[in-house]
Amino acid sequence: MKGEARHVLGEDLANYLELLRAKMTFAEEFYGMKMKYVPLITEGEIVILDRNDGKIKWLKTKSPLTLEELKSLAGSIKENLESGFVESLLAMNMSCVSGPGE
């Protein structure tokens, strides 16, 4: 994650986003399912974390958030990460996939 995003979100949450990317990669490799992004904000315009490049983007246009947009949405992103909402969305996607041998 770029330095300005780390500064806006804080080091802990930026590191957590990197962990989410690793979990998405694991799901793809272990379960064989494609997981290109995970939603960070689902109210209004959906904001996603792109697994491929680690950027926070608008789902509709797939364009990265500007620094100003990130600053304005940082509170909602932090709230959704800290509350476990984003992690639950990731887990719900994984539960739809049968594990090995099932």
N, C-alpha and C. Protein backbone atom coordinates (compact mmCIF):
# COMPACT_ATOMS: atom_id res chain seq x y z
N MET A 1 0.85 -1.18 0.00
CA MET A 1 0.00 0.00 0.00
C MET A 1 0.90 1.24 0.00
N LYS A 2 0.51 2.20 -0.78
CA LYS A 2 1.30 3.43 -0.93
C LYS A 2 1.39 4.19 0.37
N GLY A 3 2.43 5.02 0.49
CA GLY A 3 2.69 5.76 1.71
C GLY A 3 1.57 6.69 2.14
N GLU A 4 0.94 7.39 1.18
CA GLU A 4 -0.13 8.32 1.56
C GLU A 4 -1.35 7.59 2.11
N ALA A 5 -1.66 6.42 1.57
CA ALA A 5 -2.78 5.64 2.09
C ALA A 5 -2.45 5.12 3.48
N ARG A 6 -1.22 4.70 3.69
CA ARG A 6 -0.80 4.26 5.03
C ARG A 6 -0.93 5.40 6.03
N HIS A 7 -0.58 6.59 5.59
CA HIS A 7 -0.67 7.75 6.48
C HIS A 7 -2.13 8.06 6.83
N VAL A 8 -3.01 8.00 5.85
CA VAL A 8 -4.43 8.33 6.06
C VAL A 8 -5.09 7.27 6.94
N LEU A 9 -4.88 6.00 6.65
CA LEU A 9 -5.54 4.92 7.37
C LEU A 9 -4.84 4.54 8.67
N GLY A 10 -3.57 4.80 8.74
CA GLY A 10 -2.78 4.37 9.89
C GLY A 10 -2.06 3.08 9.57
N GLU A 11 -0.94 2.89 10.21
CA GLU A 11 -0.08 1.74 9.93
C GLU A 11 -0.78 0.41 10.21
N ASP A 12 -1.51 0.32 11.33
CA ASP A 12 -2.17 -0.94 11.68
C ASP A 12 -3.21 -1.36 10.66
N LEU A 13 -4.07 -0.41 10.25
CA LEU A 13 -5.11 -0.76 9.28
C LEU A 13 -4.54 -1.01 7.90
N ALA A 14 -3.50 -0.30 7.53
CA ALA A 14 -2.85 -0.56 6.24
C ALA A 14 -2.24 -1.96 6.23
N ASN A 15 -1.63 -2.35 7.34
CA ASN A 15 -1.09 -3.71 7.44
C ASN A 15 -2.21 -4.74 7.39
N TYR A 16 -3.34 -4.42 7.99
CA TYR A 16 -4.48 -5.34 7.97
C TYR A 16 -5.01 -5.52 6.56
N LEU A 17 -5.01 -4.45 5.76
CA LEU A 17 -5.44 -4.57 4.37
C LEU A 17 -4.50 -5.51 3.60
N GLU A 18 -3.22 -5.46 3.91
CA GLU A 18 -2.26 -6.38 3.28
C GLU A 18 -2.58 -7.82 3.69
N LEU A 19 -2.97 -8.02 4.95
CA LEU A 19 -3.36 -9.34 5.41
C LEU A 19 -4.61 -9.83 4.68
N LEU A 20 -5.57 -8.94 4.45
CA LEU A 20 -6.77 -9.30 3.69
C LEU A 20 -6.40 -9.75 2.28
N ARG A 21 -5.45 -9.07 1.67
CA ARG A 21 -5.00 -9.47 0.33
C ARG A 21 -4.42 -10.88 0.36
N ALA A 22 -3.66 -11.18 1.41
CA ALA A 22 -3.08 -12.51 1.54
C ALA A 22 -4.18 -13.56 1.73
N LYS A 23 -5.21 -13.24 2.50
CA LYS A 23 -6.33 -14.17 2.70
C LYS A 23 -7.06 -14.42 1.39
N MET A 24 -7.21 -13.39 0.59
CA MET A 24 -7.87 -13.54 -0.70
C MET A 24 -7.04 -14.42 -1.63
N THR A 25 -5.73 -14.25 -1.61
CA THR A 25 -4.83 -15.07 -2.41
C THR A 25 -4.91 -16.52 -1.96
N PHE A 26 -4.94 -16.73 -0.63
CA PHE A 26 -5.06 -18.08 -0.10
C PHE A 26 -6.35 -18.74 -0.57
N ALA A 27 -7.46 -18.01 -0.50
CA ALA A 27 -8.75 -18.57 -0.93
C ALA A 27 -8.69 -18.98 -2.40
N GLU A 28 -8.04 -18.15 -3.20
CA GLU A 28 -7.94 -18.47 -4.62
C GLU A 28 -7.09 -19.72 -4.85
N GLU A 29 -5.97 -19.81 -4.15
CA GLU A 29 -5.09 -20.95 -4.36
C GLU A 29 -5.63 -22.23 -3.74
N PHE A 30 -6.19 -22.13 -2.53
CA PHE A 30 -6.64 -23.31 -1.81
C PHE A 30 -7.97 -23.83 -2.33
N TYR A 31 -8.93 -22.92 -2.53
CA TYR A 31 -10.26 -23.33 -2.94
C TYR A 31 -10.47 -23.27 -4.45
N GLY A 32 -9.56 -22.62 -5.16
CA GLY A 32 -9.69 -22.53 -6.61
C GLY A 32 -10.72 -21.53 -7.07
N MET A 33 -11.12 -20.63 -6.18
CA MET A 33 -12.12 -19.63 -6.56
C MET A 33 -11.44 -18.29 -6.79
N LYS A 34 -11.92 -17.57 -7.76
CA LYS A 34 -11.37 -16.26 -8.05
C LYS A 34 -11.96 -15.25 -7.08
N MET A 35 -11.11 -14.52 -6.42
CA MET A 35 -11.54 -13.47 -5.51
C MET A 35 -10.68 -12.25 -5.83
N LYS A 36 -11.21 -11.38 -6.67
CA LYS A 36 -10.45 -10.25 -7.15
C LYS A 36 -10.49 -9.06 -6.20
N TYR A 37 -11.56 -8.97 -5.42
CA TYR A 37 -11.67 -7.83 -4.51
C TYR A 37 -12.56 -8.18 -3.33
N VAL A 38 -12.47 -7.37 -2.28
CA VAL A 38 -13.35 -7.48 -1.13
C VAL A 38 -13.92 -6.08 -0.87
N PRO A 39 -15.21 -5.98 -0.62
CA PRO A 39 -15.81 -4.67 -0.36
C PRO A 39 -15.35 -4.09 0.98
N LEU A 40 -15.02 -2.82 0.98
CA LEU A 40 -14.66 -2.10 2.22
C LEU A 40 -15.82 -1.24 2.69
N ILE A 41 -16.58 -0.70 1.75
CA ILE A 41 -17.77 0.10 2.04
C ILE A 41 -18.87 -0.39 1.11
N THR A 42 -20.03 -0.70 1.68
CA THR A 42 -21.13 -1.22 0.86
C THR A 42 -22.33 -0.29 0.82
N GLU A 43 -22.29 0.79 1.56
CA GLU A 43 -23.39 1.75 1.56
C GLU A 43 -23.13 2.82 0.52
N GLY A 44 -24.11 3.07 -0.33
CA GLY A 44 -23.92 4.05 -1.41
C GLY A 44 -23.02 3.46 -2.47
N GLU A 45 -22.07 4.26 -2.93
CA GLU A 45 -21.09 3.77 -3.90
C GLU A 45 -20.16 2.78 -3.20
N ILE A 46 -20.00 1.62 -3.79
CA ILE A 46 -19.21 0.56 -3.17
C ILE A 46 -17.73 0.81 -3.40
N VAL A 47 -16.96 0.68 -2.32
CA VAL A 47 -15.51 0.85 -2.35
C VAL A 47 -14.90 -0.51 -2.06
N ILE A 48 -13.90 -0.89 -2.85
CA ILE A 48 -13.30 -2.21 -2.75
C ILE A 48 -11.79 -2.14 -2.52
N LEU A 49 -11.24 -3.24 -2.03
CA LEU A 49 -9.80 -3.45 -2.00
C LEU A 49 -9.49 -4.42 -3.13
N ASP A 50 -8.68 -4.00 -4.08
CA ASP A 50 -8.30 -4.82 -5.22
C ASP A 50 -7.14 -5.74 -4.80
N ARG A 51 -7.34 -7.04 -4.93
CA ARG A 51 -6.31 -7.99 -4.52
C ARG A 51 -5.06 -7.89 -5.37
N ASN A 52 -5.22 -7.62 -6.65
CA ASN A 52 -4.08 -7.63 -7.56
C ASN A 52 -3.06 -6.54 -7.28
N ASP A 53 -3.54 -5.32 -7.07
CA ASP A 53 -2.58 -4.23 -6.88
C ASP A 53 -2.64 -3.60 -5.49
N GLY A 54 -3.57 -4.04 -4.65
CA GLY A 54 -3.66 -3.54 -3.28
C GLY A 54 -4.23 -2.14 -3.15
N LYS A 55 -4.80 -1.62 -4.24
CA LYS A 55 -5.35 -0.27 -4.21
C LYS A 55 -6.81 -0.30 -3.78
N ILE A 56 -7.22 0.79 -3.15
CA ILE A 56 -8.61 0.96 -2.76
C ILE A 56 -9.29 1.70 -3.91
N LYS A 57 -10.39 1.09 -4.43
CA LYS A 57 -11.00 1.59 -5.66
C LYS A 57 -12.51 1.68 -5.54
N TRP A 58 -13.09 2.40 -6.49
CA TRP A 58 -14.54 2.40 -6.67
C TRP A 58 -14.90 1.15 -7.45
N LEU A 59 -15.92 0.41 -7.02
CA LEU A 59 -16.32 -0.80 -7.74
C LEU A 59 -16.84 -0.46 -9.13
N LYS A 60 -17.63 0.60 -9.21
CA LYS A 60 -18.30 0.95 -10.46
C LYS A 60 -17.32 1.23 -11.60
N THR A 61 -16.26 1.97 -11.30
CA THR A 61 -15.33 2.38 -12.35
C THR A 61 -13.98 1.67 -12.29
N LYS A 62 -13.73 0.97 -11.21
CA LYS A 62 -12.44 0.31 -10.94
C LYS A 62 -11.28 1.30 -10.90
N SER A 63 -11.59 2.58 -10.68
CA SER A 63 -10.53 3.59 -10.58
C SER A 63 -10.16 3.80 -9.11
N PRO A 64 -8.86 3.95 -8.84
CA PRO A 64 -8.42 4.15 -7.46
C PRO A 64 -8.98 5.45 -6.87
N LEU A 65 -9.21 5.43 -5.57
CA LEU A 65 -9.65 6.64 -4.89
C LEU A 65 -8.53 7.66 -4.91
N THR A 66 -8.89 8.91 -5.08
CA THR A 66 -7.91 9.98 -4.94
C THR A 66 -7.59 10.12 -3.46
N LEU A 67 -6.54 10.84 -3.16
CA LEU A 67 -6.16 11.05 -1.77
C LEU A 67 -7.27 11.76 -1.01
N GLU A 68 -7.94 12.71 -1.66
CA GLU A 68 -9.04 13.44 -1.02
C GLU A 68 -10.22 12.50 -0.75
N GLU A 69 -10.54 11.64 -1.71
CA GLU A 69 -11.63 10.68 -1.52
C GLU A 69 -11.30 9.71 -0.39
N LEU A 70 -10.06 9.25 -0.37
CA LEU A 70 -9.63 8.33 0.68
C LEU A 70 -9.74 9.00 2.05
N LYS A 71 -9.32 10.25 2.13
CA LYS A 71 -9.43 10.97 3.40
C LYS A 71 -10.88 11.10 3.85
N SER A 72 -11.78 11.37 2.91
CA SER A 72 -13.19 11.55 3.28
C SER A 72 -13.86 10.23 3.65
N LEU A 73 -13.38 9.11 3.11
CA LEU A 73 -13.98 7.81 3.39
C LEU A 73 -13.21 6.99 4.42
N ALA A 74 -12.09 7.51 4.89
CA ALA A 74 -11.24 6.76 5.81
C ALA A 74 -11.98 6.34 7.07
N GLY A 75 -12.83 7.21 7.60
CA GLY A 75 -13.59 6.87 8.81
C GLY A 75 -14.49 5.67 8.61
N SER A 76 -15.19 5.63 7.48
CA SER A 76 -16.07 4.49 7.18
C SER A 76 -15.28 3.22 6.96
N ILE A 77 -14.15 3.34 6.26
CA ILE A 77 -13.31 2.16 6.03
C ILE A 77 -12.79 1.62 7.35
N LYS A 78 -12.28 2.51 8.21
CA LYS A 78 -11.77 2.09 9.52
C LYS A 78 -12.86 1.43 10.34
N GLU A 79 -14.03 2.02 10.35
CA GLU A 79 -15.15 1.46 11.12
C GLU A 79 -15.50 0.06 10.63
N ASN A 80 -15.57 -0.12 9.32
CA ASN A 80 -15.91 -1.43 8.75
C ASN A 80 -14.82 -2.47 9.00
N LEU A 81 -13.57 -2.04 9.00
CA LEU A 81 -12.47 -2.97 9.28
C LEU A 81 -12.44 -3.34 10.76
N GLU A 82 -12.54 -2.32 11.62
CA GLU A 82 -12.44 -2.57 13.06
C GLU A 82 -13.64 -3.34 13.61
N SER A 83 -14.80 -3.19 13.01
CA SER A 83 -15.99 -3.88 13.49
C SER A 83 -16.04 -5.34 13.04
N GLY A 84 -15.21 -5.72 12.09
CA GLY A 84 -15.22 -7.08 11.56
C GLY A 84 -16.16 -7.26 10.38
N PHE A 85 -16.78 -6.16 9.93
CA PHE A 85 -17.72 -6.24 8.81
C PHE A 85 -17.03 -6.74 7.54
N VAL A 86 -15.87 -6.22 7.23
CA VAL A 86 -15.16 -6.61 6.01
C VAL A 86 -14.74 -8.08 6.10
N GLU A 87 -14.24 -8.47 7.26
CA GLU A 87 -13.83 -9.86 7.47
C GLU A 87 -15.02 -10.81 7.32
N SER A 88 -16.19 -10.39 7.77
CA SER A 88 -17.37 -11.25 7.63
C SER A 88 -17.78 -11.38 6.16
N LEU A 89 -17.63 -10.31 5.38
CA LEU A 89 -17.91 -10.41 3.94
C LEU A 89 -16.96 -11.39 3.27
N LEU A 90 -15.70 -11.36 3.66
CA LEU A 90 -14.72 -12.28 3.12
C LEU A 90 -15.06 -13.71 3.52
N ALA A 91 -15.43 -13.92 4.77
CA ALA A 91 -15.77 -15.26 5.25
C ALA A 91 -17.03 -15.79 4.59
N MET A 92 -18.00 -14.92 4.35
CA MET A 92 -19.23 -15.38 3.68
C MET A 92 -18.93 -15.88 2.28
N ASN A 93 -18.02 -15.24 1.59
CA ASN A 93 -17.65 -15.70 0.24
C ASN A 93 -16.98 -17.06 0.30
N MET A 94 -16.13 -17.28 1.30
CA MET A 94 -15.42 -18.56 1.40
C MET A 94 -16.37 -19.69 1.76
N SER A 95 -17.41 -19.43 2.52
CA SER A 95 -18.32 -20.50 2.94
C SER A 95 -19.15 -21.05 1.79
N CYS A 96 -19.21 -20.32 0.71
CA CYS A 96 -19.97 -20.78 -0.45
C CYS A 96 -19.20 -21.79 -1.28
N VAL A 97 -17.95 -22.00 -0.95
CA VAL A 97 -17.09 -22.88 -1.72
C VAL A 97 -16.87 -24.16 -0.94
N SER A 98 -17.03 -25.31 -1.58
CA SER A 98 -16.76 -26.57 -0.92
C SER A 98 -15.26 -26.74 -0.78
N GLY A 99 -14.85 -27.21 0.37
CA GLY A 99 -13.44 -27.43 0.61
C GLY A 99 -12.95 -28.68 -0.09
N PRO A 100 -11.67 -28.96 0.01
CA PRO A 100 -11.10 -30.16 -0.63
C PRO A 100 -11.78 -31.42 -0.13
N GLY A 101 -12.13 -32.29 -1.03
CA GLY A 101 -12.73 -33.57 -0.68
C GLY A 101 -14.21 -33.51 -0.39
N GLU A 102 -14.83 -32.37 -0.54
CA GLU A 102 -16.26 -32.26 -0.28
C GLU A 102 -17.06 -32.32 -1.56
